[in-house]
Amino acid sequence: MGKLLNILTLVGLVYFVYWLFKRKLKQRQFAKQGIIIQQQGMRPITLFSIVMVSLYAGYMLWYLFQAE
């Protein structure tokens, strides 16, 4: 399960970087057209950190209950 968690973490990180890069390019494209998009809600890194902490907490709980 530890190896699977590492792979999922890596896939999530790669997808997050791809999404962030795509989002930044789209914002620059809109800025060239004169459209300014204000950021609303939580920042993307905050959402990613919440997902990662939840994933590791779930893994710790799973490991704790499997040890019995």
N, C-alpha and C. Protein backbone atom coordinates (compact mmCIF):
# COMPACT_ATOMS: atom_id res chain seq x y z
N MET A 1 0.82 -1.20 0.00
CA MET A 1 0.00 0.00 0.00
C MET A 1 0.86 1.25 0.00
N GLY A 2 2.04 1.18 0.62
CA GLY A 2 2.93 2.34 0.66
C GLY A 2 3.41 2.73 -0.73
N LYS A 3 3.70 1.74 -1.56
CA LYS A 3 4.16 2.00 -2.92
C LYS A 3 3.04 2.65 -3.74
N LEU A 4 1.81 2.16 -3.55
CA LEU A 4 0.66 2.72 -4.25
C LEU A 4 0.44 4.17 -3.84
N LEU A 5 0.60 4.45 -2.57
CA LEU A 5 0.43 5.83 -2.09
C LEU A 5 1.48 6.74 -2.70
N ASN A 6 2.70 6.26 -2.82
CA ASN A 6 3.75 7.07 -3.45
C ASN A 6 3.43 7.35 -4.91
N ILE A 7 2.94 6.35 -5.61
CA ILE A 7 2.59 6.53 -7.02
C ILE A 7 1.43 7.51 -7.17
N LEU A 8 0.40 7.36 -6.33
CA LEU A 8 -0.74 8.28 -6.38
C LEU A 8 -0.32 9.70 -6.05
N THR A 9 0.58 9.85 -5.09
CA THR A 9 1.07 11.17 -4.73
C THR A 9 1.82 11.80 -5.90
N LEU A 10 2.65 11.03 -6.56
CA LEU A 10 3.40 11.53 -7.71
C LEU A 10 2.47 11.91 -8.85
N VAL A 11 1.48 11.08 -9.12
CA VAL A 11 0.51 11.39 -10.18
C VAL A 11 -0.27 12.66 -9.82
N GLY A 12 -0.68 12.78 -8.58
CA GLY A 12 -1.40 13.97 -8.14
C GLY A 12 -0.55 15.22 -8.26
N LEU A 13 0.71 15.12 -7.91
CA LEU A 13 1.62 16.26 -8.00
C LEU A 13 1.86 16.68 -9.44
N VAL A 14 2.06 15.70 -10.31
CA VAL A 14 2.27 16.01 -11.73
C VAL A 14 1.02 16.66 -12.33
N TYR A 15 -0.15 16.12 -12.01
CA TYR A 15 -1.39 16.71 -12.53
C TYR A 15 -1.60 18.12 -11.98
N PHE A 16 -1.27 18.34 -10.71
CA PHE A 16 -1.42 19.66 -10.11
C PHE A 16 -0.53 20.68 -10.81
N VAL A 17 0.72 20.31 -11.08
CA VAL A 17 1.64 21.22 -11.77
C VAL A 17 1.13 21.51 -13.18
N TYR A 18 0.63 20.48 -13.87
CA TYR A 18 0.06 20.68 -15.21
C TYR A 18 -1.14 21.63 -15.17
N TRP A 19 -2.04 21.41 -14.21
CA TRP A 19 -3.23 22.26 -14.09
C TRP A 19 -2.85 23.69 -13.75
N LEU A 20 -1.88 23.86 -12.84
CA LEU A 20 -1.45 25.20 -12.44
C LEU A 20 -0.81 25.93 -13.61
N PHE A 21 0.02 25.23 -14.39
CA PHE A 21 0.67 25.83 -15.55
C PHE A 21 -0.36 26.23 -16.60
N LYS A 22 -1.32 25.34 -16.87
CA LYS A 22 -2.37 25.63 -17.85
C LYS A 22 -3.22 26.82 -17.41
N ARG A 23 -3.52 26.87 -16.12
CA ARG A 23 -4.31 27.98 -15.57
C ARG A 23 -3.58 29.31 -15.70
N LYS A 24 -2.27 29.29 -15.42
CA LYS A 24 -1.46 30.50 -15.50
C LYS A 24 -1.37 31.00 -16.94
N LEU A 25 -1.21 30.08 -17.88
CA LEU A 25 -1.17 30.48 -19.30
C LEU A 25 -2.50 31.08 -19.75
N LYS A 26 -3.60 30.48 -19.28
CA LYS A 26 -4.92 31.01 -19.65
C LYS A 26 -5.13 32.41 -19.07
N GLN A 27 -4.68 32.62 -17.83
CA GLN A 27 -4.81 33.95 -17.22
C GLN A 27 -3.97 34.98 -17.97
N ARG A 28 -2.78 34.60 -18.41
CA ARG A 28 -1.96 35.53 -19.19
C ARG A 28 -2.61 35.85 -20.53
N GLN A 29 -3.23 34.84 -21.14
CA GLN A 29 -3.91 35.07 -22.41
C GLN A 29 -5.08 36.04 -22.21
N PHE A 30 -5.85 35.86 -21.15
CA PHE A 30 -6.95 36.79 -20.86
C PHE A 30 -6.42 38.18 -20.54
N ALA A 31 -5.30 38.27 -19.85
CA ALA A 31 -4.72 39.57 -19.51
C ALA A 31 -4.30 40.32 -20.77
N LYS A 32 -3.79 39.60 -21.77
CA LYS A 32 -3.43 40.24 -23.04
C LYS A 32 -4.66 40.82 -23.74
N GLN A 33 -5.81 40.18 -23.54
CA GLN A 33 -7.05 40.65 -24.15
C GLN A 33 -7.71 41.74 -23.31
N GLY A 34 -7.15 42.00 -22.13
CA GLY A 34 -7.70 43.04 -21.26
C GLY A 34 -8.71 42.53 -20.25
N ILE A 35 -8.89 41.24 -20.17
CA ILE A 35 -9.82 40.63 -19.22
C ILE A 35 -9.03 40.22 -17.98
N ILE A 36 -9.39 40.76 -16.84
CA ILE A 36 -8.70 40.43 -15.60
C ILE A 36 -9.61 39.55 -14.75
N ILE A 37 -9.12 38.37 -14.40
CA ILE A 37 -9.89 37.43 -13.59
C ILE A 37 -9.37 37.52 -12.16
N GLN A 38 -10.26 37.87 -11.24
CA GLN A 38 -9.86 37.93 -9.85
C GLN A 38 -10.00 36.56 -9.22
N GLN A 39 -9.04 36.24 -8.38
CA GLN A 39 -9.05 34.93 -7.73
C GLN A 39 -10.10 34.90 -6.63
N GLN A 40 -10.92 33.88 -6.66
CA GLN A 40 -11.95 33.73 -5.65
C GLN A 40 -11.76 32.40 -4.94
N GLY A 41 -12.12 32.35 -3.68
CA GLY A 41 -12.02 31.10 -2.94
C GLY A 41 -10.60 30.82 -2.48
N MET A 42 -10.36 29.55 -2.20
CA MET A 42 -9.05 29.15 -1.72
C MET A 42 -8.03 29.11 -2.85
N ARG A 43 -6.77 29.31 -2.51
CA ARG A 43 -5.70 29.21 -3.49
C ARG A 43 -5.50 27.75 -3.86
N PRO A 44 -5.01 27.49 -5.06
CA PRO A 44 -4.83 26.09 -5.50
C PRO A 44 -3.88 25.30 -4.61
N ILE A 45 -2.83 25.92 -4.11
CA ILE A 45 -1.89 25.18 -3.27
C ILE A 45 -2.55 24.78 -1.95
N THR A 46 -3.49 25.58 -1.48
CA THR A 46 -4.22 25.25 -0.26
C THR A 46 -5.10 24.02 -0.49
N LEU A 47 -5.79 23.99 -1.61
CA LEU A 47 -6.61 22.83 -1.95
C LEU A 47 -5.76 21.57 -2.08
N PHE A 48 -4.61 21.70 -2.73
CA PHE A 48 -3.73 20.56 -2.91
C PHE A 48 -3.21 20.05 -1.57
N SER A 49 -2.86 20.97 -0.68
CA SER A 49 -2.34 20.54 0.63
C SER A 49 -3.44 19.85 1.45
N ILE A 50 -4.67 20.31 1.35
CA ILE A 50 -5.78 19.66 2.06
C ILE A 50 -5.97 18.23 1.54
N VAL A 51 -5.90 18.07 0.23
CA VAL A 51 -6.05 16.74 -0.37
C VAL A 51 -4.91 15.83 0.09
N MET A 52 -3.69 16.32 0.10
CA MET A 52 -2.54 15.51 0.49
C MET A 52 -2.62 15.11 1.96
N VAL A 53 -2.98 16.04 2.83
CA VAL A 53 -3.09 15.72 4.25
C VAL A 53 -4.20 14.69 4.47
N SER A 54 -5.31 14.84 3.76
CA SER A 54 -6.40 13.87 3.88
C SER A 54 -5.97 12.49 3.39
N LEU A 55 -5.23 12.45 2.31
CA LEU A 55 -4.75 11.19 1.77
C LEU A 55 -3.83 10.48 2.77
N TYR A 56 -2.90 11.20 3.35
CA TYR A 56 -1.98 10.59 4.30
C TYR A 56 -2.69 10.23 5.61
N ALA A 57 -3.66 11.02 6.02
CA ALA A 57 -4.42 10.68 7.23
C ALA A 57 -5.22 9.39 7.00
N GLY A 58 -5.81 9.26 5.82
CA GLY A 58 -6.53 8.04 5.49
C GLY A 58 -5.61 6.83 5.48
N TYR A 59 -4.41 7.02 4.95
CA TYR A 59 -3.44 5.93 4.92
C TYR A 59 -3.03 5.54 6.34
N MET A 60 -2.83 6.51 7.21
CA MET A 60 -2.45 6.22 8.59
C MET A 60 -3.56 5.47 9.32
N LEU A 61 -4.81 5.87 9.10
CA LEU A 61 -5.93 5.17 9.71
C LEU A 61 -6.05 3.75 9.17
N TRP A 62 -5.87 3.58 7.88
CA TRP A 62 -5.92 2.25 7.28
C TRP A 62 -4.83 1.36 7.86
N TYR A 63 -3.63 1.89 8.00
CA TYR A 63 -2.51 1.14 8.56
C TYR A 63 -2.78 0.78 10.02
N LEU A 64 -3.37 1.72 10.77
CA LEU A 64 -3.67 1.49 12.18
C LEU A 64 -4.68 0.35 12.34
N PHE A 65 -5.72 0.34 11.53
CA PHE A 65 -6.75 -0.69 11.64
C PHE A 65 -6.30 -2.04 11.06
N GLN A 66 -5.36 -2.02 10.14
CA GLN A 66 -4.85 -3.27 9.58
C GLN A 66 -3.86 -3.95 10.53
N ALA A 67 -3.29 -3.19 11.45
CA ALA A 67 -2.28 -3.74 12.37
C ALA A 67 -2.91 -4.67 13.39
N GLU A 68 -4.18 -4.58 13.62
CA GLU A 68 -4.82 -5.39 14.66
C GLU A 68 -4.97 -6.82 14.28
